Protein backbone atom coordinates (compact mmCIF):
# COMPACT_ATOMS: atom_id res chain seq x y z
CA MET A 1 81.09 89.16 89.73
CA ILE A 2 83.16 91.03 92.31
CA ALA A 3 80.81 94.02 92.03
CA VAL A 4 78.01 91.74 93.23
CA GLU A 5 79.79 89.56 95.77
CA ASP A 6 82.21 92.05 97.34
CA PRO A 7 82.14 95.54 95.80
CA ASN A 8 85.12 96.86 97.80
CA TYR A 9 87.24 93.72 97.46
CA SER A 10 90.23 95.52 96.00
CA THR A 11 90.39 98.06 98.84
CA HIS A 12 89.30 96.35 102.08
CA SER A 13 91.57 94.38 104.38
CA GLY A 14 89.45 91.23 104.53
CA VAL A 15 86.29 92.56 106.18
CA ASP A 16 83.74 95.16 105.07
CA PHE A 17 80.79 96.22 107.20
CA SER A 18 79.66 99.27 105.27
CA THR A 19 79.29 98.72 101.51
CA PRO A 20 75.67 98.56 100.25
CA GLY A 21 74.83 95.07 99.04
CA ALA A 22 78.01 93.54 100.47
CA GLY A 23 76.38 91.69 103.35
CA LEU A 24 78.39 90.25 106.24
CA THR A 25 80.85 88.06 104.33
CA THR A 26 83.62 89.25 102.02
CA ILE A 27 85.30 87.14 99.36
CA THR A 28 88.27 86.74 101.71
CA GLN A 29 86.02 85.60 104.58
CA SER A 30 84.25 83.18 102.26
CA ALA A 31 87.57 81.70 101.13
CA ALA A 32 88.71 81.48 104.75
CA LYS A 33 85.52 79.63 105.71
CA ARG A 34 85.92 77.08 102.91
CA LEU A 35 89.62 76.52 103.54
CA ALA A 36 89.81 76.50 107.34
CA PHE A 37 86.50 75.23 108.68
CA GLU A 38 85.14 71.76 108.10
CA GLN A 39 82.05 72.67 110.10
CA PHE A 40 81.21 76.34 110.51
CA HIS A 41 79.13 77.62 113.42
CA PRO A 42 77.90 81.24 113.43
CA GLY A 43 78.85 83.45 116.36
CA PRO A 44 82.27 82.34 117.56
CA GLY A 45 82.91 80.83 114.11
CA LYS A 46 82.36 84.22 112.46
CA ILE A 47 84.97 85.75 114.79
CA ARG A 48 87.47 83.01 113.94
CA GLN A 49 86.62 83.32 110.24
CA THR A 50 87.28 87.06 110.39
CA GLY A 51 90.66 86.51 112.07
CA TYR A 52 91.61 83.92 109.48
CA ALA A 53 90.56 86.30 106.69
CA LEU A 54 92.68 89.12 108.11
CA GLY A 55 95.65 86.73 108.21
CA MET A 56 95.04 85.70 104.60
CA GLU A 57 95.02 89.35 103.55
CA ARG A 58 98.43 89.88 105.20
CA ARG A 59 100.03 86.79 103.64
CA LEU A 60 98.45 86.46 100.20
CA SER A 61 97.83 88.81 97.29
CA LYS A 62 94.28 89.74 96.31
CA GLU A 63 94.78 87.67 93.13
CA GLN A 64 95.77 84.59 95.15
CA ILE A 65 92.77 84.97 97.47
CA LEU A 66 90.45 85.42 94.50
CA ALA A 67 91.87 82.29 92.82
CA LEU A 68 91.34 80.24 96.01
CA TRP A 69 87.80 81.57 96.35
CA LEU A 70 86.91 80.80 92.72
CA GLU A 71 88.28 77.26 93.03
CA THR A 72 86.28 76.47 96.19
CA LEU A 73 82.92 78.05 95.34
CA GLU A 74 79.82 75.94 95.76
CA MET A 75 78.12 76.32 92.38
CA GLY A 76 75.09 74.11 92.81
CA LYS A 77 73.56 71.35 90.77
CA GLY A 78 74.90 70.66 87.30
CA PRO A 79 74.21 67.95 84.72
CA ASP A 80 76.39 65.41 86.58
CA GLY A 81 75.69 66.43 90.18
CA TRP A 82 76.99 69.06 92.58
CA ILE A 83 79.63 71.41 91.17
CA VAL A 84 82.48 73.01 93.13
CA GLY A 85 84.57 75.74 91.51
CA PHE A 86 83.69 78.50 89.05
CA HIS A 87 85.90 77.06 86.29
CA SER A 88 84.36 73.61 86.80
CA ALA A 89 80.87 75.08 86.53
CA SER A 90 81.77 76.98 83.37
CA SER A 91 83.09 73.77 81.83
CA ALA A 92 80.20 71.58 83.00
CA ILE A 93 77.41 73.95 81.97
CA TYR A 94 78.80 75.66 78.87
CA GLY A 95 81.74 73.49 77.80
CA ARG A 96 84.04 76.52 77.83
CA SER A 97 86.37 78.38 80.19
CA PRO A 98 85.03 81.48 81.99
CA ALA A 99 87.08 83.70 79.65
CA GLU A 100 85.13 82.30 76.68
CA LEU A 101 81.65 82.85 78.15
CA THR A 102 79.25 85.51 76.96
CA GLU A 103 78.36 88.20 79.48
CA ALA A 104 74.93 86.60 79.99
CA GLU A 105 76.46 83.16 80.64
CA PHE A 106 79.00 84.59 83.08
CA ILE A 107 76.30 86.50 84.97
CA ARG A 108 74.11 83.38 85.11
CA LEU A 109 76.95 81.49 86.83
CA ALA A 110 77.58 84.39 89.21
CA ALA A 111 73.87 84.52 90.06
CA VAL A 112 73.91 81.15 91.85
CA LEU A 113 76.62 82.15 94.33
CA ILE A 114 74.21 83.60 96.87
CA ALA A 115 72.34 80.30 97.33
CA PRO A 116 73.68 77.47 95.12
CA ALA A 117 71.15 74.88 96.28
CA SER A 118 68.27 77.20 95.33
CA TYR A 119 69.05 77.26 91.62
CA ASP A 120 69.53 74.70 88.86
CA LEU A 121 72.27 75.52 86.39
CA ALA A 122 71.53 72.46 84.28
CA ARG A 123 67.95 73.41 83.39
CA SER A 124 65.81 76.42 82.64
CA ASP A 125 65.20 78.10 86.00
CA ALA A 126 62.96 81.19 86.23
CA LYS A 127 64.33 82.14 89.67
CA LEU A 128 67.88 81.97 88.35
CA GLU A 129 67.03 84.06 85.29
CA GLU A 130 65.35 86.67 87.51
CA ARG A 131 68.42 86.85 89.77
CA ALA A 132 70.70 87.11 86.72
CA GLY A 133 68.53 89.99 85.48
CA ARG A 134 69.07 91.86 88.74
CA ILE A 135 72.82 91.38 88.44
CA GLN A 136 72.70 92.57 84.83
CA ARG A 137 70.88 95.74 85.93
CA LEU A 138 73.45 96.31 88.70
CA ALA A 139 76.36 95.80 86.27
CA ALA A 140 74.78 98.25 83.82
CA GLY A 141 74.45 100.88 86.55
CA ALA A 142 70.65 100.83 86.27
CA CYS A 143 70.15 100.17 89.99
CA THR A 144 71.86 100.07 93.36
CA PRO A 145 71.44 97.73 96.34
CA ALA A 146 68.81 98.93 98.83
CA GLY A 147 71.36 98.94 101.66
CA PHE A 148 74.22 97.06 103.32
CA SER A 149 72.31 93.81 103.73
CA ASP A 150 70.66 93.81 100.27
CA VAL A 151 72.64 90.80 99.04
CA TRP A 152 69.58 89.60 97.09
CA LEU A 153 69.61 92.93 95.20
CA GLU A 154 66.01 93.79 96.02
CA GLY A 155 66.90 97.34 94.95
CA CYS A 156 67.39 95.99 91.42
CA ARG A 157 63.97 94.46 90.77
């Protein structure tokens, strides 16, 4: 999941503007946005988010930041409504913890992170399966993102 969402997570200091497929928001910035901003506005908000992320990196371990991020993720629609948190989604969709999921199930959950409202975890969803396939190809080393902003993994079609 980290290889898709933030490939250089373990080595950057909260921001990353150069890794192919990373986009403009790191895991740390995403966690900062969810924890510190009730309403986020691009522009000045991105600057504040970046500052908050840099502060998180100085005060928390990578493991703590990752745990906060996983707990606050918007996961999309599940059988009983909107799901927040990766563990909650794993439980709601598969009835098991993330550690007990198959690789395909784990990748399917990770696939919704880019646009949770665009996918339906509770039903068969061709768009979700296609996105999961791209992530599977990336994880297998069969493709690479087309560039820095290729967060949709167009290079993995």
